Amino acid sequence: MADHAHHSIDYVELTVVDLQQAKRFYGEAFGWQFTDYGPGYAGIQDPAGTREVGGLALGGPAGPGGPLVLLYSADLDRTRSAVEAAGGEVVQGPYAFPGGRRFHFRDPGGNELGVWSES
């Protein structure tokens, strides 16, 4: 059974316009694995494969604003290359900030996420 921390972010859903394209992008860019729950939803597995940490939900196009999901990378430049190779668009950075470096990207469906690294 997975540990859950009281009042912590436990699960994040991204709305996508093309579920198969989103699974391909996140699988290629970050190595994510999914559990399919029919034609409109895929659960995102944690790196250890022990539980779900989010999902891809079929819906309308992504819009500006809203919460920004940040992913961690041990090698920011390599992750940036993987995002671009998988079809993502880097829209900001990489840039330095207190604590490290980060960049923002849009997935093929228009969702904006960020990736940060301590160096």
C-alpha atoms as a PDB file:
ATOM      1  CA  MET A   1       0.000   0.000   0.000  1.00  0.00           C
ATOM      2  CA  ALA A   2       1.298   3.468  -0.907  1.00  0.00           C
ATOM      3  CA  ASP A   3       1.956   6.142   1.669  1.00  0.00           C
ATOM      4  CA  HIS A   4      -0.108   9.300   1.335  1.00  0.00           C
ATOM      5  CA  ALA A   5       0.790  12.525   3.167  1.00  0.00           C
ATOM      6  CA  HIS A   6      -2.030  14.591   4.664  1.00  0.00           C
ATOM      7  CA  HIS A   7      -2.674  17.786   2.637  1.00  0.00           C
ATOM      8  CA  SER A   8      -0.014  16.958   0.044  1.00  0.00           C
ATOM      9  CA  ILE A   9      -0.544  16.917  -3.704  1.00  0.00           C
ATOM     10  CA  ASP A  10      -1.295  13.270  -4.344  1.00  0.00           C
ATOM     11  CA  TYR A  11      -2.571  13.053  -7.923  1.00  0.00           C
ATOM     12  CA  VAL A  12      -2.485  15.341 -10.971  1.00  0.00           C
ATOM     13  CA  GLU A  13      -4.715  15.008 -14.029  1.00  0.00           C
ATOM     14  CA  LEU A  14      -3.868  16.562 -17.377  1.00  0.00           C
ATOM     15  CA  THR A  15      -6.650  17.163 -19.873  1.00  0.00           C
ATOM     16  CA  VAL A  16      -5.590  16.124 -23.383  1.00  0.00           C
ATOM     17  CA  VAL A  17      -7.279  16.300 -26.786  1.00  0.00           C
ATOM     18  CA  ASP A  18      -5.625  13.122 -28.130  1.00  0.00           C
ATOM     19  CA  LEU A  19      -5.038  10.406 -25.539  1.00  0.00           C
ATOM     20  CA  GLN A  20      -2.800   8.216 -27.718  1.00  0.00           C
ATOM     21  CA  GLN A  21      -0.632  11.173 -28.762  1.00  0.00           C
ATOM     22  CA  ALA A  22      -0.281  12.288 -25.129  1.00  0.00           C
ATOM     23  CA  LYS A  23       0.712   8.782 -24.002  1.00  0.00           C
ATOM     24  CA  ARG A  24       3.285   8.581 -26.794  1.00  0.00           C
ATOM     25  CA  PHE A  25       4.718  12.022 -25.945  1.00  0.00           C
ATOM     26  CA  TYR A  26       5.034  11.463 -22.174  1.00  0.00           C
ATOM     27  CA  GLY A  27       6.284   7.911 -22.698  1.00  0.00           C
ATOM     28  CA  GLU A  28       9.026   9.053 -25.086  1.00  0.00           C
ATOM     29  CA  ALA A  29      10.000  12.247 -23.235  1.00  0.00           C
ATOM     30  CA  PHE A  30       9.912  10.939 -19.646  1.00  0.00           C
ATOM     31  CA  GLY A  31       9.553   7.157 -19.811  1.00  0.00           C
ATOM     32  CA  TRP A  32       6.107   7.266 -18.181  1.00  0.00           C
ATOM     33  CA  GLN A  33       3.999   4.097 -18.058  1.00  0.00           C
ATOM     34  CA  PHE A  34       0.201   4.081 -18.131  1.00  0.00           C
ATOM     35  CA  THR A  35      -2.795   2.022 -17.099  1.00  0.00           C
ATOM     36  CA  ASP A  36      -5.627   2.303 -19.628  1.00  0.00           C
ATOM     37  CA  TYR A  37      -9.158   2.710 -18.288  1.00  0.00           C
ATOM     38  CA  GLY A  38     -11.038   2.851 -21.567  1.00  0.00           C
ATOM     39  CA  PRO A  39     -10.953   5.294 -24.463  1.00  0.00           C
ATOM     40  CA  GLY A  40     -11.018   8.456 -22.346  1.00  0.00           C
ATOM     41  CA  TYR A  41      -8.540   7.954 -19.497  1.00  0.00           C
ATOM     42  CA  ALA A  42      -5.072   6.606 -18.739  1.00  0.00           C
ATOM     43  CA  GLY A  43      -3.530   6.504 -15.263  1.00  0.00           C
ATOM     44  CA  ILE A  44       0.100   7.624 -14.855  1.00  0.00           C
ATOM     45  CA  GLN A  45       2.223   5.163 -12.861  1.00  0.00           C
ATOM     46  CA  ASP A  46       4.898   6.337 -10.430  1.00  0.00           C
ATOM     47  CA  PRO A  47       8.479   5.479 -11.486  1.00  0.00           C
ATOM     48  CA  ALA A  48       8.508   2.388  -9.245  1.00  0.00           C
ATOM     49  CA  GLY A  49       5.217   1.159 -10.718  1.00  0.00           C
ATOM     50  CA  THR A  50       3.675   0.839  -7.260  1.00  0.00           C
ATOM     51  CA  ARG A  51       0.769   3.305  -7.613  1.00  0.00           C
ATOM     52  CA  GLU A  52      -0.826   5.940  -9.790  1.00  0.00           C
ATOM     53  CA  VAL A  53       0.270   9.533  -9.349  1.00  0.00           C
ATOM     54  CA  GLY A  54      -1.899  11.137 -12.008  1.00  0.00           C
ATOM     55  CA  GLY A  55      -3.856  10.664 -15.160  1.00  0.00           C
ATOM     56  CA  LEU A  56      -4.462  11.785 -18.722  1.00  0.00           C
ATOM     57  CA  ALA A  57      -8.118  12.642 -19.263  1.00  0.00           C
ATOM     58  CA  LEU A  58      -9.615  13.103 -22.721  1.00  0.00           C
ATOM     59  CA  GLY A  59     -11.246  16.528 -22.953  1.00  0.00           C
ATOM     60  CA  GLY A  60     -11.133  19.936 -24.593  1.00  0.00           C
ATOM     61  CA  PRO A  61      -8.069  21.888 -25.643  1.00  0.00           C
ATOM     62  CA  ALA A  62      -5.721  23.192 -22.968  1.00  0.00           C
ATOM     63  CA  GLY A  63      -6.090  26.840 -22.020  1.00  0.00           C
ATOM     64  CA  PRO A  64      -3.703  29.375 -20.542  1.00  0.00           C
ATOM     65  CA  GLY A  65      -3.296  29.825 -16.804  1.00  0.00           C
ATOM     66  CA  GLY A  66      -4.087  27.437 -14.006  1.00  0.00           C
ATOM     67  CA  PRO A  67      -1.670  25.487 -11.836  1.00  0.00           C
ATOM     68  CA  LEU A  68       1.792  24.752 -13.202  1.00  0.00           C
ATOM     69  CA  VAL A  69       2.993  21.178 -12.731  1.00  0.00           C
ATOM     70  CA  LEU A  70       6.766  20.923 -12.227  1.00  0.00           C
ATOM     71  CA  LEU A  71       8.704  17.727 -12.860  1.00  0.00           C
ATOM     72  CA  TYR A  72      12.169  17.065 -11.421  1.00  0.00           C
ATOM     73  CA  SER A  73      15.153  16.059 -13.575  1.00  0.00           C
ATOM     74  CA  ALA A  74      18.630  14.937 -12.567  1.00  0.00           C
ATOM     75  CA  ASP A  75      19.873  16.123 -16.020  1.00  0.00           C
ATOM     76  CA  LEU A  76      17.936  19.175 -17.238  1.00  0.00           C
ATOM     77  CA  ASP A  77      19.652  19.472 -20.629  1.00  0.00           C
ATOM     78  CA  ARG A  78      19.054  15.818 -21.435  1.00  0.00           C
ATOM     79  CA  THR A  79      15.397  16.142 -20.406  1.00  0.00           C
ATOM     80  CA  ARG A  80      14.992  19.248 -22.590  1.00  0.00           C
ATOM     81  CA  SER A  81      16.369  17.297 -25.562  1.00  0.00           C
ATOM     82  CA  ALA A  82      13.974  14.410 -24.847  1.00  0.00           C
ATOM     83  CA  VAL A  83      10.981  16.771 -24.645  1.00  0.00           C
ATOM     84  CA  GLU A  84      11.860  18.328 -27.999  1.00  0.00           C
ATOM     85  CA  ALA A  85      12.587  14.950 -29.643  1.00  0.00           C
ATOM     86  CA  ALA A  86       9.183  13.669 -28.496  1.00  0.00           C
ATOM     87  CA  GLY A  87       7.390  16.659 -30.074  1.00  0.00           C
ATOM     88  CA  GLY A  88       7.160  19.080 -27.149  1.00  0.00           C
ATOM     89  CA  GLU A  89       7.846  22.802 -27.529  1.00  0.00           C
ATOM     90  CA  VAL A  90      10.154  24.530 -25.049  1.00  0.00           C
ATOM     91  CA  VAL A  91       8.499  27.905 -24.392  1.00  0.00           C
ATOM     92  CA  GLN A  92      10.768  29.296 -21.662  1.00  0.00           C
ATOM     93  CA  GLY A  93      14.347  28.685 -20.556  1.00  0.00           C
ATOM     94  CA  PRO A  94      16.282  26.935 -19.347  1.00  0.00           C
ATOM     95  CA  TYR A  95      16.909  29.683 -16.826  1.00  0.00           C
ATOM     96  CA  ALA A  96      18.446  29.950 -13.375  1.00  0.00           C
ATOM     97  CA  PHE A  97      16.283  30.453 -10.297  1.00  0.00           C
ATOM     98  CA  PRO A  98      17.084  30.219  -6.564  1.00  0.00           C
ATOM     99  CA  GLY A  99      17.698  26.511  -6.060  1.00  0.00           C
ATOM    100  CA  GLY A 100      18.647  25.497  -9.595  1.00  0.00           C
ATOM    101  CA  ARG A 101      17.544  25.749 -13.220  1.00  0.00           C
ATOM    102  CA  ARG A 102      14.284  25.075 -15.033  1.00  0.00           C
ATOM    103  CA  PHE A 103      12.417  25.288 -18.320  1.00  0.00           C
ATOM    104  CA  HIS A 104       8.763  25.265 -19.364  1.00  0.00           C
ATOM    105  CA  PHE A 105       7.334  23.295 -22.282  1.00  0.00           C
ATOM    106  CA  ARG A 106       4.035  22.655 -24.020  1.00  0.00           C
ATOM    107  CA  ASP A 107       3.008  19.110 -24.811  1.00  0.00           C
ATOM    108  CA  PRO A 108       1.428  18.389 -28.225  1.00  0.00           C
ATOM    109  CA  GLY A 109      -2.026  19.046 -26.708  1.00  0.00           C
ATOM    110  CA  GLY A 110      -1.070  22.526 -25.435  1.00  0.00           C
ATOM    111  CA  ASN A 111      -0.574  21.786 -21.704  1.00  0.00           C
ATOM    112  CA  GLU A 112       2.282  23.797 -20.191  1.00  0.00           C
ATOM    113  CA  LEU A 113       4.495  22.077 -17.629  1.00  0.00           C
ATOM    114  CA  GLY A 114       7.898  22.832 -16.173  1.00  0.00           C
ATOM    115  CA  VAL A 115      10.997  20.799 -15.401  1.00  0.00           C
ATOM    116  CA  TRP A 116      13.539  21.793 -12.768  1.00  0.00           C
ATOM    117  CA  SER A 117      16.944  20.592 -11.639  1.00  0.00           C
ATOM    118  CA  GLU A 118      19.191  21.477  -8.729  1.00  0.00           C
ATOM    119  CA  SER A 119      22.063  22.227 -11.129  1.00  0.00           C
END
